[in-house]
């Protein structure tokens, strides 16, 4: 039977192991899918940038 300190250390070890494996698996998924061709029409993002009237700012006094 594990005492309280051993159980805490065992729990930390298991949590660390699960987190490490999740990072490794996720990195592998990214590595496999990195060069996959994507359909640009499905993932298109429209960005509306503000149009600046530069003439207001060009003739400012210095």
N, C-alpha and C. Protein backbone atom coordinates (compact mmCIF):
# COMPACT_ATOMS: atom_id res chain seq x y z
N UNK A 1 0.84 -1.19 0.00
CA UNK A 1 0.00 0.00 0.00
C UNK A 1 0.89 1.25 0.00
N UNK A 2 0.47 2.24 -0.78
CA UNK A 2 1.24 3.47 -0.88
C UNK A 2 0.85 4.43 0.24
N UNK A 3 1.85 5.07 0.81
CA UNK A 3 1.52 6.11 1.78
C UNK A 3 1.21 7.40 1.02
N UNK A 4 0.88 8.45 1.73
CA UNK A 4 0.42 9.69 1.11
C UNK A 4 1.50 10.34 0.23
N UNK A 5 2.74 10.34 0.68
CA UNK A 5 3.83 10.94 -0.09
C UNK A 5 4.12 10.15 -1.36
N UNK A 6 4.13 8.83 -1.25
CA UNK A 6 4.37 8.00 -2.43
C UNK A 6 3.23 8.15 -3.44
N UNK A 7 2.01 8.22 -2.96
CA UNK A 7 0.86 8.39 -3.84
C UNK A 7 0.93 9.72 -4.58
N UNK A 8 1.34 10.78 -3.88
CA UNK A 8 1.47 12.10 -4.51
C UNK A 8 2.55 12.06 -5.59
N UNK A 9 3.70 11.46 -5.28
CA UNK A 9 4.78 11.36 -6.27
C UNK A 9 4.36 10.51 -7.46
N UNK A 10 3.65 9.42 -7.21
CA UNK A 10 3.17 8.55 -8.28
C UNK A 10 2.16 9.29 -9.15
N UNK A 11 1.30 10.09 -8.55
CA UNK A 11 0.32 10.86 -9.30
C UNK A 11 1.00 11.91 -10.17
N UNK A 12 2.00 12.60 -9.63
CA UNK A 12 2.76 13.58 -10.42
C UNK A 12 3.46 12.91 -11.59
N UNK A 13 4.03 11.73 -11.34
CA UNK A 13 4.71 11.01 -12.41
C UNK A 13 3.73 10.63 -13.52
N UNK A 14 2.57 10.12 -13.16
CA UNK A 14 1.58 9.73 -14.17
C UNK A 14 1.07 10.94 -14.93
N UNK A 15 0.82 12.05 -14.24
CA UNK A 15 0.37 13.26 -14.92
C UNK A 15 1.44 13.77 -15.88
N UNK A 16 2.69 13.73 -15.47
CA UNK A 16 3.79 14.16 -16.34
C UNK A 16 3.92 13.25 -17.55
N UNK A 17 3.76 11.96 -17.33
CA UNK A 17 3.86 11.00 -18.43
C UNK A 17 2.73 11.20 -19.44
N UNK A 18 1.52 11.42 -18.96
CA UNK A 18 0.38 11.66 -19.85
C UNK A 18 0.58 12.95 -20.64
N UNK A 19 1.04 14.00 -19.98
CA UNK A 19 1.28 15.27 -20.67
C UNK A 19 2.39 15.11 -21.72
N UNK A 20 3.45 14.41 -21.37
CA UNK A 20 4.55 14.18 -22.31
C UNK A 20 4.06 13.41 -23.53
N UNK A 21 3.29 12.35 -23.31
CA UNK A 21 2.78 11.56 -24.43
C UNK A 21 1.82 12.38 -25.29
N UNK A 22 1.01 13.22 -24.67
CA UNK A 22 0.08 14.06 -25.44
C UNK A 22 0.86 15.03 -26.33
N UNK A 23 1.93 15.61 -25.81
CA UNK A 23 2.74 16.53 -26.61
C UNK A 23 3.42 15.79 -27.76
N UNK A 24 3.94 14.60 -27.50
CA UNK A 24 4.59 13.81 -28.55
C UNK A 24 3.59 13.43 -29.63
N UNK A 25 2.40 12.97 -29.24
CA UNK A 25 1.38 12.57 -30.21
C UNK A 25 0.91 13.76 -31.03
N UNK A 26 0.68 14.88 -30.37
CA UNK A 26 0.22 16.08 -31.07
C UNK A 26 1.30 16.58 -32.04
N UNK A 27 2.56 16.53 -31.64
CA UNK A 27 3.65 16.93 -32.53
C UNK A 27 3.73 16.00 -33.73
N UNK A 28 3.49 14.72 -33.52
CA UNK A 28 3.49 13.77 -34.63
C UNK A 28 2.36 14.04 -35.61
N UNK A 29 1.20 14.38 -35.10
CA UNK A 29 0.07 14.71 -35.97
C UNK A 29 0.39 15.94 -36.81
N UNK A 30 0.97 16.95 -36.19
CA UNK A 30 1.36 18.16 -36.93
C UNK A 30 2.42 17.81 -37.98
N UNK A 31 3.40 16.98 -37.62
CA UNK A 31 4.46 16.61 -38.56
C UNK A 31 3.89 15.86 -39.76
N UNK A 32 2.95 14.96 -39.53
CA UNK A 32 2.36 14.17 -40.62
C UNK A 32 1.53 15.06 -41.54
N UNK A 33 0.77 15.98 -40.97
CA UNK A 33 -0.15 16.80 -41.76
C UNK A 33 0.46 18.11 -42.25
N UNK A 34 1.75 18.34 -42.03
CA UNK A 34 2.34 19.65 -42.31
C UNK A 34 2.24 20.02 -43.78
N UNK A 35 2.56 19.11 -44.69
CA UNK A 35 2.60 19.42 -46.11
C UNK A 35 1.34 18.97 -46.86
N UNK A 36 0.29 18.67 -46.14
CA UNK A 36 -0.93 18.23 -46.78
C UNK A 36 -1.55 19.39 -47.55
N UNK A 37 -1.99 19.11 -48.77
CA UNK A 37 -2.61 20.13 -49.61
C UNK A 37 -3.98 20.49 -49.04
N UNK A 38 -4.26 21.78 -48.95
CA UNK A 38 -5.55 22.22 -48.43
C UNK A 38 -6.31 22.95 -49.52
N UNK A 39 -7.62 22.90 -49.42
CA UNK A 39 -8.48 23.60 -50.37
C UNK A 39 -8.62 25.04 -49.90
N UNK A 40 -8.07 25.97 -50.65
CA UNK A 40 -8.05 27.38 -50.24
C UNK A 40 -9.45 27.99 -50.18
N UNK A 41 -10.40 27.44 -50.94
CA UNK A 41 -11.75 28.01 -50.93
C UNK A 41 -12.47 27.74 -49.62
N UNK A 42 -12.16 26.63 -48.98
CA UNK A 42 -12.84 26.26 -47.74
C UNK A 42 -12.28 26.98 -46.53
N UNK A 43 -11.03 27.40 -46.59
CA UNK A 43 -10.39 28.01 -45.42
C UNK A 43 -10.05 29.48 -45.66
N UNK A 44 -10.72 30.09 -46.62
CA UNK A 44 -10.43 31.49 -46.94
C UNK A 44 -10.84 32.39 -45.77
N UNK A 45 -9.99 33.33 -45.46
CA UNK A 45 -10.25 34.29 -44.40
C UNK A 45 -10.20 35.68 -45.02
N UNK A 46 -11.26 36.44 -44.80
CA UNK A 46 -11.30 37.79 -45.34
C UNK A 46 -10.90 38.77 -44.25
N UNK A 47 -9.94 39.61 -44.55
CA UNK A 47 -9.45 40.59 -43.58
C UNK A 47 -9.73 41.97 -44.14
N UNK A 48 -10.47 42.75 -43.40
CA UNK A 48 -10.78 44.12 -43.81
C UNK A 48 -9.89 45.08 -43.02
N UNK A 49 -8.92 45.65 -43.70
CA UNK A 49 -8.03 46.60 -43.07
C UNK A 49 -8.56 48.01 -43.28
N UNK A 50 -8.37 48.89 -42.32
CA UNK A 50 -8.85 50.26 -42.50
C UNK A 50 -8.02 51.00 -43.56
N UNK A 51 -8.70 51.83 -44.32
CA UNK A 51 -8.02 52.64 -45.33
C UNK A 51 -7.65 53.96 -44.68
N UNK A 52 -6.37 54.31 -44.72
CA UNK A 52 -5.88 55.52 -44.07
C UNK A 52 -5.76 56.62 -45.11
N UNK A 53 -6.30 57.77 -44.80
CA UNK A 53 -6.16 58.94 -45.66
C UNK A 53 -4.84 59.62 -45.30
N UNK A 54 -3.79 59.29 -46.04
CA UNK A 54 -2.45 59.77 -45.70
C UNK A 54 -2.32 61.27 -45.89
N UNK A 55 -3.15 61.89 -46.72
CA UNK A 55 -3.04 63.33 -46.95
C UNK A 55 -3.29 64.14 -45.68
N UNK A 56 -4.05 63.59 -44.76
CA UNK A 56 -4.28 64.29 -43.49
C UNK A 56 -3.00 64.39 -42.67
N UNK A 57 -2.11 63.43 -42.83
CA UNK A 57 -0.94 63.34 -41.97
C UNK A 57 0.34 63.84 -42.64
N UNK A 58 0.34 64.04 -43.95
CA UNK A 58 1.57 64.42 -44.64
C UNK A 58 1.94 65.88 -44.42
N UNK A 59 0.98 66.75 -44.22
CA UNK A 59 1.26 68.19 -44.13
C UNK A 59 1.20 68.71 -42.70
N UNK A 60 1.49 67.88 -41.74
CA UNK A 60 1.47 68.33 -40.34
C UNK A 60 2.68 69.20 -40.06
N UNK A 61 2.50 70.16 -39.18
CA UNK A 61 3.63 71.02 -38.81
C UNK A 61 4.61 70.24 -37.94
N UNK A 62 5.87 70.60 -38.05
CA UNK A 62 6.90 69.85 -37.32
C UNK A 62 7.36 70.58 -36.09
